[in-house]
C-alpha atoms as a PDB file:
ATOM      1  CA  MET A   1       0.368   0.152  -0.171  1.00  0.00           C
ATOM      2  CA  ALA A   2       1.608   3.167  -0.978  1.00  0.00           C
ATOM      3  CA  THR A   3       1.826   5.806   1.515  1.00  0.00           C
ATOM      4  CA  PHE A   4      -0.211   9.354   1.116  1.00  0.00           C
ATOM      5  CA  GLN A   5       0.641  12.777   3.008  1.00  0.00           C
ATOM      6  CA  LEU A   6      -0.687  15.475   1.909  1.00  0.00           C
ATOM      7  CA  GLN A   7       1.541  18.510   1.928  1.00  0.00           C
ATOM      8  CA  LYS A   8      -1.338  21.010   3.006  1.00  0.00           C
ATOM      9  CA  ILE A   9      -4.420  20.933   4.891  1.00  0.00           C
ATOM     10  CA  GLU A  10      -7.546  21.228   2.645  1.00  0.00           C
ATOM     11  CA  ILE A  11     -10.878  23.275   3.662  1.00  0.00           C
ATOM     12  CA  ASP A  12     -13.392  25.232   2.591  1.00  0.00           C
ATOM     13  CA  SER A  13     -14.997  28.056   4.780  1.00  0.00           C
ATOM     14  CA  VAL A  14     -17.759  26.186   6.490  1.00  0.00           C
ATOM     15  CA  GLN A  15     -14.473  23.880   7.649  1.00  0.00           C
ATOM     16  CA  ARG A  16     -12.703  26.752   8.863  1.00  0.00           C
ATOM     17  CA  ASN A  17     -15.905  27.870  11.315  1.00  0.00           C
ATOM     18  CA  ILE A  18     -16.241  24.410  12.584  1.00  0.00           C
ATOM     19  CA  ILE A  19     -12.329  24.126  13.536  1.00  0.00           C
ATOM     20  CA  LYS A  20     -12.227  27.926  15.307  1.00  0.00           C
ATOM     21  CA  ASP A  21     -16.109  27.091  17.191  1.00  0.00           C
ATOM     22  CA  PHE A  22     -14.133  23.877  18.484  1.00  0.00           C
ATOM     23  CA  GLY A  23     -11.628  25.581  19.485  1.00  0.00           C
ATOM     24  CA  ASP A  24     -13.695  28.752  21.068  1.00  0.00           C
ATOM     25  CA  ILE A  25     -15.637  25.703  22.626  1.00  0.00           C
ATOM     26  CA  ILE A  26     -12.981  23.314  24.364  1.00  0.00           C
ATOM     27  CA  SER A  27     -10.839  26.370  25.039  1.00  0.00           C
ATOM     28  CA  LYS A  28     -13.638  27.864  27.608  1.00  0.00           C
ATOM     29  CA  GLU A  29     -14.203  25.087  28.910  1.00  0.00           C
ATOM     30  CA  ILE A  30     -10.731  24.384  29.987  1.00  0.00           C
ATOM     31  CA  ASP A  31      -9.683  28.084  30.536  1.00  0.00           C
ATOM     32  CA  LEU A  32      -7.230  27.646  27.873  1.00  0.00           C
ATOM     33  CA  SER A  33      -6.122  30.030  25.134  1.00  0.00           C
ATOM     34  CA  VAL A  34      -7.948  29.519  22.521  1.00  0.00           C
ATOM     35  CA  THR A  35      -4.779  29.879  19.561  1.00  0.00           C
ATOM     36  CA  VAL A  36      -3.408  27.109  21.685  1.00  0.00           C
ATOM     37  CA  VAL A  37      -6.399  24.723  21.112  1.00  0.00           C
ATOM     38  CA  LYS A  38      -6.973  25.553  17.667  1.00  0.00           C
ATOM     39  CA  GLY A  39      -3.192  24.891  16.838  1.00  0.00           C
ATOM     40  CA  PHE A  40      -3.709  20.961  18.304  1.00  0.00           C
ATOM     41  CA  LEU A  41      -7.239  21.193  16.665  1.00  0.00           C
ATOM     42  CA  TRP A  42      -5.173  21.793  13.266  1.00  0.00           C
ATOM     43  CA  LYS A  43      -2.625  19.281  13.943  1.00  0.00           C
ATOM     44  CA  ALA A  44      -5.170  17.002  14.363  1.00  0.00           C
ATOM     45  CA  LEU A  45      -7.567  17.692  11.324  1.00  0.00           C
ATOM     46  CA  ARG A  46      -4.067  16.787   9.012  1.00  0.00           C
ATOM     47  CA  GLU A  47      -3.267  14.210  10.646  1.00  0.00           C
ATOM     48  CA  TRP A  48      -6.765  12.521  10.035  1.00  0.00           C
ATOM     49  CA  GLN A  49      -6.291  13.568   5.829  1.00  0.00           C
ATOM     50  CA  ASN A  50      -2.976  11.953   5.914  1.00  0.00           C
ATOM     51  CA  VAL A  51      -4.029   8.447   7.593  1.00  0.00           C
ATOM     52  CA  HIS A  52      -7.112   8.749   5.723  1.00  0.00           C
ATOM     53  CA  GLY A  53      -5.270   9.515   2.759  1.00  0.00           C
ATOM     54  CA  ARG A  54      -7.625  12.050   1.475  1.00  0.00           C
ATOM     55  CA  SER A  55      -8.861  16.057   3.011  1.00  0.00           C
ATOM     56  CA  VAL A  56     -12.397  16.236   4.733  1.00  0.00           C
ATOM     57  CA  LEU A  57     -13.253  18.407   1.924  1.00  0.00           C
ATOM     58  CA  ASP A  58     -12.413  15.537  -1.027  1.00  0.00           C
ATOM     59  CA  THR A  59     -14.510  13.513   1.224  1.00  0.00           C
ATOM     60  CA  GLU A  60     -17.682  15.851   1.320  1.00  0.00           C
ATOM     61  CA  LYS A  61     -17.223  16.600  -2.006  1.00  0.00           C
ATOM     62  CA  ASN A  62     -17.192  12.958  -3.346  1.00  0.00           C
ATOM     63  CA  SER A  63     -18.791  10.881  -1.284  1.00  0.00           C
ATOM     64  CA  GLY A  64     -21.629  13.509  -0.945  1.00  0.00           C
ATOM     65  CA  SER A  65     -21.369  12.047   2.991  1.00  0.00           C
ATOM     66  CA  SER A  66     -24.573  11.422   5.616  1.00  0.00           C
ATOM     67  CA  PRO A  67     -24.727  13.675   8.519  1.00  0.00           C
ATOM     68  CA  ASN A  68     -23.897  10.413  10.548  1.00  0.00           C
ATOM     69  CA  GLU A  69     -20.767   9.751   8.178  1.00  0.00           C
ATOM     70  CA  ARG A  70     -19.759  13.990   8.866  1.00  0.00           C
ATOM     71  CA  VAL A  71     -20.279  12.637  12.972  1.00  0.00           C
ATOM     72  CA  LYS A  72     -18.407  10.335  12.782  1.00  0.00           C
ATOM     73  CA  GLN A  73     -15.357  12.322  11.026  1.00  0.00           C
ATOM     74  CA  ALA A  74     -15.919  14.929  13.462  1.00  0.00           C
ATOM     75  CA  LYS A  75     -15.277  12.754  16.081  1.00  0.00           C
ATOM     76  CA  GLN A  76     -12.011  11.077  15.035  1.00  0.00           C
ATOM     77  CA  ILE A  77     -10.418  14.478  14.699  1.00  0.00           C
ATOM     78  CA  LEU A  78     -11.451  15.494  17.919  1.00  0.00           C
ATOM     79  CA  SER A  79     -10.217  11.843  18.856  1.00  0.00           C
ATOM     80  CA  ILE A  80      -6.911  12.418  17.304  1.00  0.00           C
ATOM     81  CA  PHE A  81      -6.620  16.207  18.891  1.00  0.00           C
ATOM     82  CA  ARG A  82      -7.737  15.024  22.206  1.00  0.00           C
ATOM     83  CA  THR A  83      -4.940  11.977  21.856  1.00  0.00           C
ATOM     84  CA  HIS A  84      -2.453  14.507  21.329  1.00  0.00           C
ATOM     85  CA  PHE A  85      -3.370  17.310  23.433  1.00  0.00           C
ATOM     86  CA  LEU A  86      -3.558  14.590  26.825  1.00  0.00           C
ATOM     87  CA  GLU A  87       0.437  14.322  26.100  1.00  0.00           C
ATOM     88  CA  SER A  88       1.726  17.617  25.980  1.00  0.00           C
ATOM     89  CA  VAL A  89      -1.075  19.757  28.133  1.00  0.00           C
ATOM     90  CA  GLU A  90      -1.246  19.196  32.182  1.00  0.00           C
ATOM     91  CA  ILE A  91      -4.737  19.588  32.521  1.00  0.00           C
ATOM     92  CA  ASP A  92      -8.243  17.784  33.960  1.00  0.00           C
ATOM     93  CA  ASP A  93      -9.025  14.704  31.118  1.00  0.00           C
ATOM     94  CA  LYS A  94     -12.175  15.058  32.557  1.00  0.00           C
ATOM     95  CA  LEU A  95     -12.598  19.264  31.457  1.00  0.00           C
ATOM     96  CA  LEU A  96     -11.296  18.306  28.083  1.00  0.00           C
ATOM     97  CA  ASP A  97     -13.982  15.227  27.336  1.00  0.00           C
ATOM     98  CA  PHE A  98     -16.304  17.751  28.374  1.00  0.00           C
ATOM     99  CA  GLY A  99     -15.596  20.514  25.553  1.00  0.00           C
ATOM    100  CA  ILE A 100     -14.621  17.692  23.194  1.00  0.00           C
ATOM    101  CA  SER A 101     -18.655  16.186  23.972  1.00  0.00           C
ATOM    102  CA  LYS A 102     -19.738  20.008  23.561  1.00  0.00           C
ATOM    103  CA  SER A 103     -18.277  20.599  20.746  1.00  0.00           C
ATOM    104  CA  ILE A 104     -19.758  16.796  19.102  1.00  0.00           C
ATOM    105  CA  ARG A 105     -23.208  18.734  19.912  1.00  0.00           C
ATOM    106  CA  HIS A 106     -22.949  21.774  18.455  1.00  0.00           C
ATOM    107  CA  TYR A 107     -21.090  20.343  15.241  1.00  0.00           C
ATOM    108  CA  ARG A 108     -24.793  17.989  15.461  1.00  0.00           C
ATOM    109  CA  GLY A 109     -26.640  20.812  16.077  1.00  0.00           C
ATOM    110  CA  HIS A 110     -25.105  23.385  13.166  1.00  0.00           C
ATOM    111  CA  TYR A 111     -23.077  21.528  11.104  1.00  0.00           C
ATOM    112  CA  ALA A 112     -23.576  18.329  10.174  1.00  0.00           C
ATOM    113  CA  ASN A 113     -26.744  18.468   7.961  1.00  0.00           C
ATOM    114  CA  ARG A 114     -25.629  20.782   5.647  1.00  0.00           C
END
């Protein structure tokens, strides 16, 4: 199997807003700079794209992703984010998990059905 490595993150304006919203929600819950949180979110998004050999943008354009598939992808990205964040930042994981859960609920309500 060939290795696929995206050189840059490929997203549209809606996906950029999703990352912004996730960063805002999580940073408020853990009382940490939104810039730090968003940096880890971008890292997680890039890793997700590299693992899956495609960008989130490609996935949505080519497959007409269902709302459930979109939520699944958001959860995968947030899981990667959680792993990297907890490896690097000393924080109460329950607060982080609450922020992630809140982000997923926000995603379902505002973005999954687009």
